[in-house]
Amino acid sequence: MDKLVASVSLAALAAFLFVILGPAREPDLVLIVGLVALMASYDLFLALAGRRRR
């Protein structure tokens, strides 16, 4: 259940970031959105990997 909720929330964040990038494709905005997406994906990976080890 945790994986499902985490996947849905990551997909919602990706959709929100895609909406932000829609009208304005500035290079600095693309960089920030990419960093946010990478940090969220890394956090999801750590959270799910940490549950398996316990």
N, C-alpha and C. Protein backbone atom coordinates (compact mmCIF):
# COMPACT_ATOMS: atom_id res chain seq x y z
N MET A 1 0.82 -1.19 0.00
CA MET A 1 0.00 0.00 0.00
C MET A 1 0.87 1.26 0.00
N ASP A 2 1.98 1.20 0.74
CA ASP A 2 2.87 2.36 0.79
C ASP A 2 3.46 2.67 -0.59
N LYS A 3 3.80 1.63 -1.33
CA LYS A 3 4.38 1.84 -2.66
C LYS A 3 3.37 2.49 -3.59
N LEU A 4 2.11 2.08 -3.47
CA LEU A 4 1.06 2.65 -4.31
C LEU A 4 0.86 4.13 -4.01
N VAL A 5 0.75 4.47 -2.75
CA VAL A 5 0.55 5.88 -2.36
C VAL A 5 1.75 6.72 -2.76
N ALA A 6 2.94 6.19 -2.56
CA ALA A 6 4.15 6.92 -2.92
C ALA A 6 4.23 7.12 -4.44
N SER A 7 3.87 6.12 -5.19
CA SER A 7 3.90 6.24 -6.65
C SER A 7 2.87 7.25 -7.16
N VAL A 8 1.70 7.24 -6.58
CA VAL A 8 0.66 8.19 -6.98
C VAL A 8 1.08 9.62 -6.63
N SER A 9 1.67 9.79 -5.46
CA SER A 9 2.09 11.14 -5.08
C SER A 9 3.24 11.63 -5.95
N LEU A 10 4.14 10.75 -6.32
CA LEU A 10 5.23 11.15 -7.22
C LEU A 10 4.68 11.49 -8.61
N ALA A 11 3.69 10.75 -9.07
CA ALA A 11 3.06 11.06 -10.35
C ALA A 11 2.33 12.40 -10.30
N ALA A 12 1.69 12.69 -9.17
CA ALA A 12 1.02 13.98 -9.02
C ALA A 12 2.03 15.13 -9.02
N LEU A 13 3.16 14.93 -8.36
CA LEU A 13 4.20 15.96 -8.38
C LEU A 13 4.74 16.16 -9.79
N ALA A 14 4.93 15.07 -10.51
CA ALA A 14 5.41 15.17 -11.90
C ALA A 14 4.41 15.92 -12.78
N ALA A 15 3.13 15.65 -12.59
CA ALA A 15 2.11 16.36 -13.36
C ALA A 15 2.11 17.85 -13.03
N PHE A 16 2.24 18.17 -11.76
CA PHE A 16 2.30 19.58 -11.35
C PHE A 16 3.52 20.27 -11.95
N LEU A 17 4.66 19.61 -11.91
CA LEU A 17 5.88 20.21 -12.48
C LEU A 17 5.76 20.37 -13.98
N PHE A 18 5.08 19.43 -14.63
CA PHE A 18 4.86 19.54 -16.08
C PHE A 18 3.98 20.75 -16.40
N VAL A 19 2.98 21.01 -15.58
CA VAL A 19 2.12 22.18 -15.77
C VAL A 19 2.91 23.47 -15.60
N ILE A 20 3.81 23.49 -14.65
CA ILE A 20 4.64 24.68 -14.44
C ILE A 20 5.52 24.94 -15.66
N LEU A 21 6.06 23.89 -16.23
CA LEU A 21 6.95 24.05 -17.38
C LEU A 21 6.21 24.35 -18.68
N GLY A 22 4.92 24.13 -18.72
CA GLY A 22 4.16 24.31 -19.96
C GLY A 22 4.35 25.66 -20.63
N PRO A 23 3.95 26.75 -19.99
CA PRO A 23 4.02 28.05 -20.67
C PRO A 23 5.42 28.66 -20.71
N ALA A 24 6.27 28.34 -19.77
CA ALA A 24 7.58 28.99 -19.70
C ALA A 24 8.68 27.94 -19.71
N ARG A 25 9.40 27.87 -20.80
CA ARG A 25 10.51 26.92 -20.91
C ARG A 25 11.86 27.64 -20.75
N GLU A 26 12.01 28.32 -19.64
CA GLU A 26 13.27 29.00 -19.35
C GLU A 26 14.28 27.97 -18.85
N PRO A 27 15.54 28.12 -19.24
CA PRO A 27 16.55 27.12 -18.83
C PRO A 27 16.71 26.99 -17.32
N ASP A 28 16.65 28.10 -16.60
CA ASP A 28 16.81 28.01 -15.15
C ASP A 28 15.60 27.33 -14.50
N LEU A 29 14.42 27.54 -15.03
CA LEU A 29 13.23 26.88 -14.51
C LEU A 29 13.28 25.38 -14.79
N VAL A 30 13.75 25.01 -15.97
CA VAL A 30 13.89 23.59 -16.31
C VAL A 30 14.89 22.93 -15.37
N LEU A 31 15.96 23.63 -15.04
CA LEU A 31 16.96 23.09 -14.12
C LEU A 31 16.37 22.87 -12.73
N ILE A 32 15.65 23.85 -12.21
CA ILE A 32 15.06 23.73 -10.88
C ILE A 32 14.01 22.62 -10.84
N VAL A 33 13.17 22.55 -11.85
CA VAL A 33 12.14 21.49 -11.90
C VAL A 33 12.81 20.12 -11.99
N GLY A 34 13.87 20.01 -12.76
CA GLY A 34 14.60 18.74 -12.84
C GLY A 34 15.21 18.34 -11.51
N LEU A 35 15.78 19.31 -10.81
CA LEU A 35 16.35 19.02 -9.50
C LEU A 35 15.29 18.59 -8.49
N VAL A 36 14.14 19.26 -8.52
CA VAL A 36 13.04 18.88 -7.62
C VAL A 36 12.58 17.46 -7.93
N ALA A 37 12.45 17.13 -9.20
CA ALA A 37 12.02 15.78 -9.58
C ALA A 37 13.05 14.74 -9.14
N LEU A 38 14.33 15.04 -9.31
CA LEU A 38 15.37 14.10 -8.88
C LEU A 38 15.38 13.91 -7.37
N MET A 39 15.23 15.00 -6.62
CA MET A 39 15.22 14.89 -5.16
C MET A 39 14.02 14.10 -4.67
N ALA A 40 12.87 14.31 -5.29
CA ALA A 40 11.67 13.56 -4.88
C ALA A 40 11.82 12.07 -5.22
N SER A 41 12.39 11.77 -6.37
CA SER A 41 12.60 10.37 -6.75
C SER A 41 13.60 9.70 -5.82
N TYR A 42 14.66 10.40 -5.47
CA TYR A 42 15.67 9.86 -4.57
C TYR A 42 15.09 9.62 -3.18
N ASP A 43 14.28 10.56 -2.71
CA ASP A 43 13.65 10.39 -1.40
C ASP A 43 12.70 9.20 -1.40
N LEU A 44 11.95 9.03 -2.48
CA LEU A 44 11.06 7.88 -2.60
C LEU A 44 11.87 6.58 -2.58
N PHE A 45 12.96 6.56 -3.31
CA PHE A 45 13.81 5.37 -3.34
C PHE A 45 14.36 5.04 -1.95
N LEU A 46 14.84 6.06 -1.24
CA LEU A 46 15.37 5.83 0.11
C LEU A 46 14.29 5.35 1.07
N ALA A 47 13.12 5.91 0.96
CA ALA A 47 12.03 5.52 1.86
C ALA A 47 11.60 4.07 1.60
N LEU A 48 11.51 3.69 0.36
CA LEU A 48 11.11 2.32 0.05
C LEU A 48 12.23 1.33 0.32
N ALA A 49 13.47 1.71 0.07
CA ALA A 49 14.59 0.81 0.32
C ALA A 49 14.81 0.64 1.82
N GLY A 50 14.55 1.68 2.59
CA GLY A 50 14.72 1.59 4.03
C GLY A 50 13.72 0.65 4.68
N ARG A 51 12.53 0.55 4.13
CA ARG A 51 11.51 -0.33 4.69
C ARG A 51 11.84 -1.80 4.45
N ARG A 52 12.55 -2.09 3.37
CA ARG A 52 12.88 -3.48 3.06
C ARG A 52 13.94 -4.03 4.02
N ARG A 53 14.86 -3.19 4.45
CA ARG A 53 15.96 -3.65 5.30
C ARG A 53 15.53 -3.94 6.72
N ARG A 54 14.46 -3.37 7.18
CA ARG A 54 14.06 -3.52 8.58
C ARG A 54 13.43 -4.85 8.84
